[in-house]
Amino acid sequence: MIGQREPTHPGVVLREDVIVPLGLTVTEAAKRLNISRKTLSLLLNAKASMSPEMAVRVGKATNTSAESWLYMQMKCDLWKALQTEPHVETIT
């Protein structure tokens, strides 16, 4: 269930729960993930979504599941979509 509060973006979780505690720079973390610094920076600052490919990289690098990272992204996406409910007609 999606609540009232905006869910935390997976990039923010990656930054605050992994990169900062390990004392990694964005450049070093990007190198370990084999992506560009710009790509990682956009993700960490919630300016880009966590793609399935990125979720696989992050999951492998952190020994977590790609599904958990994609689930976080899905919650963010769904929360944003629910903020402006479109006018639709019932199909039944």
PDB file of N, CA and C in Angstrom:
ATOM      1  N   MET A   1       0.848  -1.186   0.000  1.00  0.00           N
ATOM      2  CA  MET A   1       0.000   0.000   0.000  1.00  0.00           C
ATOM      3  C   MET A   1       0.885   1.236   0.000  1.00  0.00           C
ATOM      4  N   ILE A   2       0.509   2.215  -0.766  1.00  0.00           N
ATOM      5  CA  ILE A   2       1.250   3.461  -0.874  1.00  0.00           C
ATOM      6  C   ILE A   2       0.647   4.452   0.115  1.00  0.00           C
ATOM      7  N   GLY A   3       1.487   5.028   0.968  1.00  0.00           N
ATOM      8  CA  GLY A   3       1.016   5.926   2.008  1.00  0.00           C
ATOM      9  C   GLY A   3       0.997   7.387   1.597  1.00  0.00           C
ATOM     10  N   GLN A   4       0.836   8.244   2.576  1.00  0.00           N
ATOM     11  CA  GLN A   4       0.769   9.689   2.364  1.00  0.00           C
ATOM     12  C   GLN A   4       2.128  10.296   2.062  1.00  0.00           C
ATOM     13  N   ARG A   5       3.176   9.750   2.651  1.00  0.00           N
ATOM     14  CA  ARG A   5       4.515  10.302   2.512  1.00  0.00           C
ATOM     15  C   ARG A   5       5.176   9.767   1.252  1.00  0.00           C
ATOM     16  N   GLU A   6       5.890  10.649   0.563  1.00  0.00           N
ATOM     17  CA  GLU A   6       6.599  10.211  -0.641  1.00  0.00           C
ATOM     18  C   GLU A   6       7.663   9.185  -0.271  1.00  0.00           C
ATOM     19  N   PRO A   7       7.690   8.048  -0.952  1.00  0.00           N
ATOM     20  CA  PRO A   7       8.703   7.029  -0.657  1.00  0.00           C
ATOM     21  C   PRO A   7      10.110   7.552  -0.965  1.00  0.00           C
ATOM     22  N   THR A   8      11.078   7.018  -0.286  1.00  0.00           N
ATOM     23  CA  THR A   8      12.462   7.407  -0.505  1.00  0.00           C
ATOM     24  C   THR A   8      12.967   6.810  -1.814  1.00  0.00           C
ATOM     25  N   HIS A   9      13.583   7.644  -2.615  1.00  0.00           N
ATOM     26  CA  HIS A   9      14.125   7.227  -3.913  1.00  0.00           C
ATOM     27  C   HIS A   9      15.259   6.227  -3.673  1.00  0.00           C
ATOM     28  N   PRO A  10      15.359   5.169  -4.496  1.00  0.00           N
ATOM     29  CA  PRO A  10      16.417   4.176  -4.290  1.00  0.00           C
ATOM     30  C   PRO A  10      17.829   4.753  -4.407  1.00  0.00           C
ATOM     31  N   GLY A  11      17.996   5.803  -5.184  1.00  0.00           N
ATOM     32  CA  GLY A  11      19.309   6.443  -5.277  1.00  0.00           C
ATOM     33  C   GLY A  11      19.716   7.090  -3.965  1.00  0.00           C
ATOM     34  N   VAL A  12      18.747   7.666  -3.275  1.00  0.00           N
ATOM     35  CA  VAL A  12      19.009   8.268  -1.967  1.00  0.00           C
ATOM     36  C   VAL A  12      19.371   7.179  -0.963  1.00  0.00           C
ATOM     37  N   VAL A  13      18.665   6.056  -1.028  1.00  0.00           N
ATOM     38  CA  VAL A  13      18.973   4.927  -0.145  1.00  0.00           C
ATOM     39  C   VAL A  13      20.395   4.425  -0.422  1.00  0.00           C
ATOM     40  N   LEU A  14      20.737   4.294  -1.689  1.00  0.00           N
ATOM     41  CA  LEU A  14      22.089   3.858  -2.051  1.00  0.00           C
ATOM     42  C   LEU A  14      23.137   4.821  -1.514  1.00  0.00           C
ATOM     43  N   ARG A  15      22.876   6.108  -1.650  1.00  0.00           N
ATOM     44  CA  ARG A  15      23.820   7.116  -1.164  1.00  0.00           C
ATOM     45  C   ARG A  15      23.958   7.079   0.357  1.00  0.00           C
ATOM     46  N   GLU A  16      22.829   7.148   1.048  1.00  0.00           N
ATOM     47  CA  GLU A  16      22.844   7.298   2.508  1.00  0.00           C
ATOM     48  C   GLU A  16      23.147   6.002   3.261  1.00  0.00           C
ATOM     49  N   ASP A  17      22.759   4.862   2.708  1.00  0.00           N
ATOM     50  CA  ASP A  17      22.945   3.592   3.420  1.00  0.00           C
ATOM     51  C   ASP A  17      24.155   2.793   2.967  1.00  0.00           C
ATOM     52  N   VAL A  18      24.728   3.140   1.817  1.00  0.00           N
ATOM     53  CA  VAL A  18      25.858   2.370   1.301  1.00  0.00           C
ATOM     54  C   VAL A  18      27.088   3.238   1.058  1.00  0.00           C
ATOM     55  N   ILE A  19      26.962   4.204   0.173  1.00  0.00           N
ATOM     56  CA  ILE A  19      28.131   4.976  -0.254  1.00  0.00           C
ATOM     57  C   ILE A  19      28.717   5.833   0.857  1.00  0.00           C
ATOM     58  N   VAL A  20      27.873   6.603   1.548  1.00  0.00           N
ATOM     59  CA  VAL A  20      28.375   7.466   2.627  1.00  0.00           C
ATOM     60  C   VAL A  20      28.981   6.655   3.776  1.00  0.00           C
ATOM     61  N   PRO A  21      28.281   5.630   4.292  1.00  0.00           N
ATOM     62  CA  PRO A  21      28.876   4.856   5.390  1.00  0.00           C
ATOM     63  C   PRO A  21      30.211   4.190   5.031  1.00  0.00           C
ATOM     64  N   LEU A  22      30.380   3.813   3.769  1.00  0.00           N
ATOM     65  CA  LEU A  22      31.636   3.192   3.358  1.00  0.00           C
ATOM     66  C   LEU A  22      32.723   4.217   3.042  1.00  0.00           C
ATOM     67  N   GLY A  23      32.360   5.490   3.068  1.00  0.00           N
ATOM     68  CA  GLY A  23      33.331   6.538   2.798  1.00  0.00           C
ATOM     69  C   GLY A  23      33.772   6.590   1.342  1.00  0.00           C
ATOM     70  N   LEU A  24      32.911   6.125   0.441  1.00  0.00           N
ATOM     71  CA  LEU A  24      33.242   6.130  -0.982  1.00  0.00           C
ATOM     72  C   LEU A  24      32.904   7.476  -1.614  1.00  0.00           C
ATOM     73  N   THR A  25      33.701   7.875  -2.574  1.00  0.00           N
ATOM     74  CA  THR A  25      33.345   9.034  -3.383  1.00  0.00           C
ATOM     75  C   THR A  25      32.415   8.562  -4.488  1.00  0.00           C
ATOM     76  N   VAL A  26      31.725   9.498  -5.112  1.00  0.00           N
ATOM     77  CA  VAL A  26      30.861   9.146  -6.232  1.00  0.00           C
ATOM     78  C   VAL A  26      31.708   8.552  -7.354  1.00  0.00           C
ATOM     79  N   THR A  27      32.880   9.115  -7.563  1.00  0.00           N
ATOM     80  CA  THR A  27      33.776   8.612  -8.610  1.00  0.00           C
ATOM     81  C   THR A  27      34.172   7.168  -8.348  1.00  0.00           C
ATOM     82  N   GLU A  28      34.539   6.855  -7.108  1.00  0.00           N
ATOM     83  CA  GLU A  28      34.951   5.482  -6.774  1.00  0.00           C
ATOM     84  C   GLU A  28      33.774   4.520  -6.867  1.00  0.00           C
ATOM     85  N   ALA A  29      32.614   4.936  -6.382  1.00  0.00           N
ATOM     86  CA  ALA A  29      31.436   4.061  -6.461  1.00  0.00           C
ATOM     87  C   ALA A  29      31.052   3.808  -7.916  1.00  0.00           C
ATOM     88  N   ALA A  30      31.119   4.837  -8.745  1.00  0.00           N
ATOM     89  CA  ALA A  30      30.801   4.678 -10.168  1.00  0.00           C
ATOM     90  C   ALA A  30      31.776   3.715 -10.835  1.00  0.00           C
ATOM     91  N   LYS A  31      33.021   3.828 -10.467  1.00  0.00           N
ATOM     92  CA  LYS A  31      34.043   2.932 -11.026  1.00  0.00           C
ATOM     93  C   LYS A  31      33.730   1.488 -10.643  1.00  0.00           C
ATOM     94  N   ARG A  32      33.363   1.263  -9.393  1.00  0.00           N
ATOM     95  CA  ARG A  32      33.043  -0.094  -8.936  1.00  0.00           C
ATOM     96  C   ARG A  32      31.800  -0.655  -9.627  1.00  0.00           C
ATOM     97  N   LEU A  33      30.859   0.221  -9.965  1.00  0.00           N
ATOM     98  CA  LEU A  33      29.641  -0.207 -10.661  1.00  0.00           C
ATOM     99  C   LEU A  33      29.839  -0.266 -12.174  1.00  0.00           C
ATOM    100  N   ASN A  34      30.987   0.205 -12.641  1.00  0.00           N
ATOM    101  CA  ASN A  34      31.314   0.243 -14.069  1.00  0.00           C
ATOM    102  C   ASN A  34      30.319   1.097 -14.859  1.00  0.00           C
ATOM    103  N   ILE A  35      30.041   2.295 -14.297  1.00  0.00           N
ATOM    104  CA  ILE A  35      29.172   3.280 -14.947  1.00  0.00           C
ATOM    105  C   ILE A  35      29.852   4.634 -14.857  1.00  0.00           C
ATOM    106  N   SER A  36      29.318   5.615 -15.546  1.00  0.00           N
ATOM    107  CA  SER A  36      29.916   6.950 -15.488  1.00  0.00           C
ATOM    108  C   SER A  36      29.564   7.643 -14.173  1.00  0.00           C
ATOM    109  N   ARG A  37      30.412   8.575 -13.793  1.00  0.00           N
ATOM    110  CA  ARG A  37      30.175   9.354 -12.582  1.00  0.00           C
ATOM    111  C   ARG A  37      28.877  10.134 -12.719  1.00  0.00           C
ATOM    112  N   LYS A  38      28.633  10.689 -13.907  1.00  0.00           N
ATOM    113  CA  LYS A  38      27.417  11.477 -14.144  1.00  0.00           C
ATOM    114  C   LYS A  38      26.169  10.619 -13.964  1.00  0.00           C
ATOM    115  N   THR A  39      26.180   9.413 -14.507  1.00  0.00           N
ATOM    116  CA  THR A  39      25.034   8.510 -14.378  1.00  0.00           C
ATOM    117  C   THR A  39      24.734   8.222 -12.913  1.00  0.00           C
ATOM    118  N   LEU A  40      25.781   7.927 -12.144  1.00  0.00           N
ATOM    119  CA  LEU A  40      25.577   7.640 -10.721  1.00  0.00           C
ATOM    120  C   LEU A  40      25.121   8.877  -9.971  1.00  0.00           C
ATOM    121  N   SER A  41      25.701  10.013 -10.284  1.00  0.00           N
ATOM    122  CA  SER A  41      25.316  11.256  -9.614  1.00  0.00           C
ATOM    123  C   SER A  41      23.834  11.561  -9.824  1.00  0.00           C
ATOM    124  N   LEU A  42      23.355  11.392 -11.046  1.00  0.00           N
ATOM    125  CA  LEU A  42      21.930  11.615 -11.323  1.00  0.00           C
ATOM    126  C   LEU A  42      21.052  10.686 -10.490  1.00  0.00           C
ATOM    127  N   LEU A  43      21.455   9.430 -10.377  1.00  0.00           N
ATOM    128  CA  LEU A  43      20.695   8.469  -9.578  1.00  0.00           C
ATOM    129  C   LEU A  43      20.725   8.834  -8.095  1.00  0.00           C
ATOM    130  N   LEU A  44      21.906   9.132  -7.573  1.00  0.00           N
ATOM    131  CA  LEU A  44      22.047   9.436  -6.148  1.00  0.00           C
ATOM    132  C   LEU A  44      21.289  10.693  -5.732  1.00  0.00           C
ATOM    133  N   ASN A  45      21.096  11.595  -6.684  1.00  0.00           N
ATOM    134  CA  ASN A  45      20.377  12.838  -6.398  1.00  0.00           C
ATOM    135  C   ASN A  45      18.918  12.784  -6.842  1.00  0.00           C
ATOM    136  N   ALA A  46      18.425  11.570  -7.093  1.00  0.00           N
ATOM    137  CA  ALA A  46      17.023  11.325  -7.450  1.00  0.00           C
ATOM    138  C   ALA A  46      16.608  12.076  -8.713  1.00  0.00           C
ATOM    139  N   LYS A  47      17.551  12.281  -9.615  1.00  0.00           N
ATOM    140  CA  LYS A  47      17.258  12.937 -10.892  1.00  0.00           C
ATOM    141  C   LYS A  47      17.066  11.901 -11.999  1.00  0.00           C
ATOM    142  N   ALA A  48      17.365  10.649 -11.714  1.00  0.00           N
ATOM    143  CA  ALA A  48      17.183   9.550 -12.660  1.00  0.00           C
ATOM    144  C   ALA A  48      16.583   8.372 -11.912  1.00  0.00           C
ATOM    145  N   SER A  49      15.824   7.575 -12.635  1.00  0.00           N
ATOM    146  CA  SER A  49      15.212   6.386 -12.041  1.00  0.00           C
ATOM    147  C   SER A  49      16.189   5.221 -12.024  1.00  0.00           C
ATOM    148  N   MET A  50      15.930   4.290 -11.127  1.00  0.00           N
ATOM    149  CA  MET A  50      16.705   3.056 -11.048  1.00  0.00           C
ATOM    150  C   MET A  50      16.181   2.119 -12.134  1.00  0.00           C
ATOM    151  N   SER A  51      16.985   1.880 -13.161  1.00  0.00           N
ATOM    152  CA  SER A  51      16.588   0.982 -14.247  1.00  0.00           C
ATOM    153  C   SER A  51      16.824  -0.463 -13.822  1.00  0.00           C
ATOM    154  N   PRO A  52      16.218  -1.411 -14.525  1.00  0.00           N
ATOM    155  CA  PRO A  52      16.498  -2.813 -14.217  1.00  0.00           C
ATOM    156  C   PRO A  52      17.989  -3.146 -14.318  1.00  0.00           C
ATOM    157  N   GLU A  53      18.656  -2.602 -15.330  1.00  0.00           N
ATOM    158  CA  GLU A  53      20.090  -2.858 -15.494  1.00  0.00           C
ATOM    159  C   GLU A  53      20.895  -2.308 -14.322  1.00  0.00           C
ATOM    160  N   MET A  54      20.533  -1.105 -13.879  1.00  0.00           N
ATOM    161  CA  MET A  54      21.225  -0.507 -12.740  1.00  0.00           C
ATOM    162  C   MET A  54      20.925  -1.290 -11.471  1.00  0.00           C
ATOM    163  N   ALA A  55      19.688  -1.759 -11.326  1.00  0.00           N
ATOM    164  CA  ALA A  55      19.318  -2.546 -10.152  1.00  0.00           C
ATOM    165  C   ALA A  55      20.153  -3.820 -10.070  1.00  0.00           C
ATOM    166  N   VAL A  56      20.430  -4.435 -11.218  1.00  0.00           N
ATOM    167  CA  VAL A  56      21.271  -5.634 -11.236  1.00  0.00           C
ATOM    168  C   VAL A  56      22.685  -5.275 -10.785  1.00  0.00           C
ATOM    169  N   ARG A  57      23.227  -4.179 -11.299  1.00  0.00           N
ATOM    170  CA  ARG A  57      24.581  -3.744 -10.899  1.00  0.00           C
ATOM    171  C   ARG A  57      24.658  -3.461  -9.397  1.00  0.00           C
ATOM    172  N   VAL A  58      23.696  -2.684  -8.920  1.00  0.00           N
ATOM    173  CA  VAL A  58      23.694  -2.305  -7.505  1.00  0.00           C
ATOM    174  C   VAL A  58      23.475  -3.536  -6.631  1.00  0.00           C
ATOM    175  N   GLY A  59      22.572  -4.412  -7.042  1.00  0.00           N
ATOM    176  CA  GLY A  59      22.329  -5.632  -6.278  1.00  0.00           C
ATOM    177  C   GLY A  59      23.577  -6.489  -6.166  1.00  0.00           C
ATOM    178  N   LYS A  60      24.267  -6.670  -7.292  1.00  0.00           N
ATOM    179  CA  LYS A  60      25.496  -7.469  -7.261  1.00  0.00           C
ATOM    180  C   LYS A  60      26.570  -6.802  -6.406  1.00  0.00           C
ATOM    181  N   ALA A  61      26.694  -5.489  -6.525  1.00  0.00           N
ATOM    182  CA  ALA A  61      27.736  -4.768  -5.790  1.00  0.00           C
ATOM    183  C   ALA A  61      27.479  -4.725  -4.283  1.00  0.00           C
ATOM    184  N   THR A  62      26.211  -4.762  -3.891  1.00  0.00           N
ATOM    185  CA  THR A  62      25.865  -4.649  -2.468  1.00  0.00           C
ATOM    186  C   THR A  62      25.402  -5.967  -1.857  1.00  0.00           C
ATOM    187  N   ASN A  63      25.434  -7.033  -2.661  1.00  0.00           N
ATOM    188  CA  ASN A  63      24.971  -8.338  -2.196  1.00  0.00           C
ATOM    189  C   ASN A  63      23.510  -8.285  -1.727  1.00  0.00           C
ATOM    190  N   THR A  64      22.705  -7.570  -2.509  1.00  0.00           N
ATOM    191  CA  THR A  64      21.267  -7.484  -2.254  1.00  0.00           C
ATOM    192  C   THR A  64      20.556  -7.899  -3.544  1.00  0.00           C
ATOM    193  N   SER A  65      19.235  -7.892  -3.527  1.00  0.00           N
ATOM    194  CA  SER A  65      18.508  -8.314  -4.721  1.00  0.00           C
ATOM    195  C   SER A  65      18.178  -7.126  -5.619  1.00  0.00           C
ATOM    196  N   ALA A  66      18.240  -7.356  -6.911  1.00  0.00           N
ATOM    197  CA  ALA A  66      17.831  -6.337  -7.874  1.00  0.00           C
ATOM    198  C   ALA A  66      16.356  -5.997  -7.661  1.00  0.00           C
ATOM    199  N   GLU A  67      15.578  -6.993  -7.289  1.00  0.00           N
ATOM    200  CA  GLU A  67      14.148  -6.784  -7.063  1.00  0.00           C
ATOM    201  C   GLU A  67      13.885  -5.761  -5.967  1.00  0.00           C
ATOM    202  N   SER A  68      14.679  -5.779  -4.921  1.00  0.00           N
ATOM    203  CA  SER A  68      14.456  -4.833  -3.827  1.00  0.00           C
ATOM    204  C   SER A  68      14.673  -3.396  -4.287  1.00  0.00           C
ATOM    205  N   TRP A  69      15.668  -3.177  -5.153  1.00  0.00           N
ATOM    206  CA  TRP A  69      15.937  -1.832  -5.676  1.00  0.00           C
ATOM    207  C   TRP A  69      14.833  -1.406  -6.635  1.00  0.00           C
ATOM    208  N   LEU A  70      14.359  -2.329  -7.474  1.00  0.00           N
ATOM    209  CA  LEU A  70      13.275  -1.997  -8.396  1.00  0.00           C
ATOM    210  C   LEU A  70      11.968  -1.754  -7.654  1.00  0.00           C
ATOM    211  N   TYR A  71      11.745  -2.470  -6.561  1.00  0.00           N
ATOM    212  CA  TYR A  71      10.542  -2.265  -5.762  1.00  0.00           C
ATOM    213  C   TYR A  71      10.523  -0.848  -5.182  1.00  0.00           C
ATOM    214  N   MET A  72      11.688  -0.389  -4.716  1.00  0.00           N
ATOM    215  CA  MET A  72      11.760   0.988  -4.203  1.00  0.00           C
ATOM    216  C   MET A  72      11.405   1.988  -5.296  1.00  0.00           C
ATOM    217  N   GLN A  73      11.931   1.754  -6.502  1.00  0.00           N
ATOM    218  CA  GLN A  73      11.641   2.655  -7.616  1.00  0.00           C
ATOM    219  C   GLN A  73      10.168   2.619  -7.988  1.00  0.00           C
ATOM    220  N   MET A  74       9.587   1.418  -8.007  1.00  0.00           N
ATOM    221  CA  MET A  74       8.174   1.286  -8.331  1.00  0.00           C
ATOM    222  C   MET A  74       7.302   2.043  -7.326  1.00  0.00           C
ATOM    223  N   LYS A  75       7.645   1.970  -6.048  1.00  0.00           N
ATOM    224  CA  LYS A  75       6.879   2.695  -5.032  1.00  0.00           C
ATOM    225  C   LYS A  75       6.936   4.197  -5.274  1.00  0.00           C
ATOM    226  N   CYS A  76       8.116   4.706  -5.643  1.00  0.00           N
ATOM    227  CA  CYS A  76       8.260   6.141  -5.948  1.00  0.00           C
ATOM    228  C   CYS A  76       7.421   6.513  -7.162  1.00  0.00           C
ATOM    229  N   ASP A  77       7.517   5.720  -8.216  1.00  0.00           N
ATOM    230  CA  ASP A  77       6.784   5.999  -9.447  1.00  0.00           C
ATOM    231  C   ASP A  77       5.279   5.975  -9.224  1.00  0.00           C
ATOM    232  N   LEU A  78       4.809   4.974  -8.500  1.00  0.00           N
ATOM    233  CA  LEU A  78       3.379   4.849  -8.244  1.00  0.00           C
ATOM    234  C   LEU A  78       2.886   5.994  -7.366  1.00  0.00           C
ATOM    235  N   TRP A  79       3.638   6.368  -6.358  1.00  0.00           N
ATOM    236  CA  TRP A  79       3.254   7.481  -5.485  1.00  0.00           C
ATOM    237  C   TRP A  79       3.091   8.754  -6.303  1.00  0.00           C
ATOM    238  N   LYS A  80       4.044   9.024  -7.192  1.00  0.00           N
ATOM    239  CA  LYS A  80       3.962  10.227  -8.037  1.00  0.00           C
ATOM    240  C   LYS A  80       2.744  10.165  -8.951  1.00  0.00           C
ATOM    241  N   ALA A  81       2.462   9.007  -9.527  1.00  0.00           N
ATOM    242  CA  ALA A  81       1.307   8.864 -10.410  1.00  0.00           C
ATOM    243  C   ALA A  81       0.003   9.094  -9.662  1.00  0.00           C
ATOM    244  N   LEU A  82      -0.065   8.680  -8.414  1.00  0.00           N
ATOM    245  CA  LEU A  82      -1.291   8.830  -7.622  1.00  0.00           C
ATOM    246  C   LEU A  82      -1.537  10.264  -7.166  1.00  0.00           C
ATOM    247  N   GLN A  83      -0.538  11.124  -7.280  1.00  0.00           N
ATOM    248  CA  GLN A  83      -0.703  12.506  -6.836  1.00  0.00           C
ATOM    249  C   GLN A  83      -1.614  13.288  -7.773  1.00  0.00           C
ATOM    250  N   THR A  84      -1.720  12.873  -9.012  1.00  0.00           N
ATOM    251  CA  THR A  84      -2.610  13.514  -9.978  1.00  0.00           C
ATOM    252  C   THR A  84      -3.442  12.423 -10.645  1.00  0.00           C
ATOM    253  N   GLU A  85      -4.493  12.064  -9.996  1.00  0.00           N
ATOM    254  CA  GLU A  85      -5.354  10.999 -10.521  1.00  0.00           C
ATOM    255  C   GLU A  85      -6.067  11.479 -11.768  1.00  0.00           C
ATOM    256  N   PRO A  86      -5.887  10.791 -12.887  1.00  0.00           N
ATOM    257  CA  PRO A  86      -6.521  11.220 -14.132  1.00  0.00           C
ATOM    258  C   PRO A  86      -8.021  10.927 -14.128  1.00  0.00           C
ATOM    259  N   HIS A  87      -8.742  11.690 -14.950  1.00  0.00           N
ATOM    260  CA  HIS A  87     -10.177  11.422 -15.109  1.00  0.00           C
ATOM    261  C   HIS A  87     -10.322  10.250 -16.081  1.00  0.00           C
ATOM    262  N   VAL A  88     -10.921   9.184 -15.625  1.00  0.00           N
ATOM    263  CA  VAL A  88     -11.147   8.012 -16.473  1.00  0.00           C
ATOM    264  C   VAL A  88     -12.585   7.530 -16.285  1.00  0.00           C
ATOM    265  N   GLU A  89     -13.035   6.809 -17.294  1.00  0.00           N
ATOM    266  CA  GLU A  89     -14.349   6.202 -17.202  1.00  0.00           C
ATOM    267  C   GLU A  89     -14.194   4.727 -16.916  1.00  0.00           C
ATOM    268  N   THR A  90     -15.156   4.141 -16.247  1.00  0.00           N
ATOM    269  CA  THR A  90     -15.125   2.726 -15.924  1.00  0.00           C
ATOM    270  C   THR A  90     -15.251   1.903 -17.200  1.00  0.00           C
ATOM    271  N   ILE A  91     -14.516   0.816 -17.266  1.00  0.00           N
ATOM    272  CA  ILE A  91     -14.526  -0.052 -18.447  1.00  0.00           C
ATOM    273  C   ILE A  91     -15.528  -1.192 -18.299  1.00  0.00           C
ATOM    274  N   THR A  92     -16.021  -1.454 -17.114  1.00  0.00           N
ATOM    275  CA  THR A  92     -16.915  -2.593 -16.911  1.00  0.00           C
ATOM    276  C   THR A  92     -18.291  -2.386 -17.465  1.00  0.00           C
TER     277      THR A  92
END
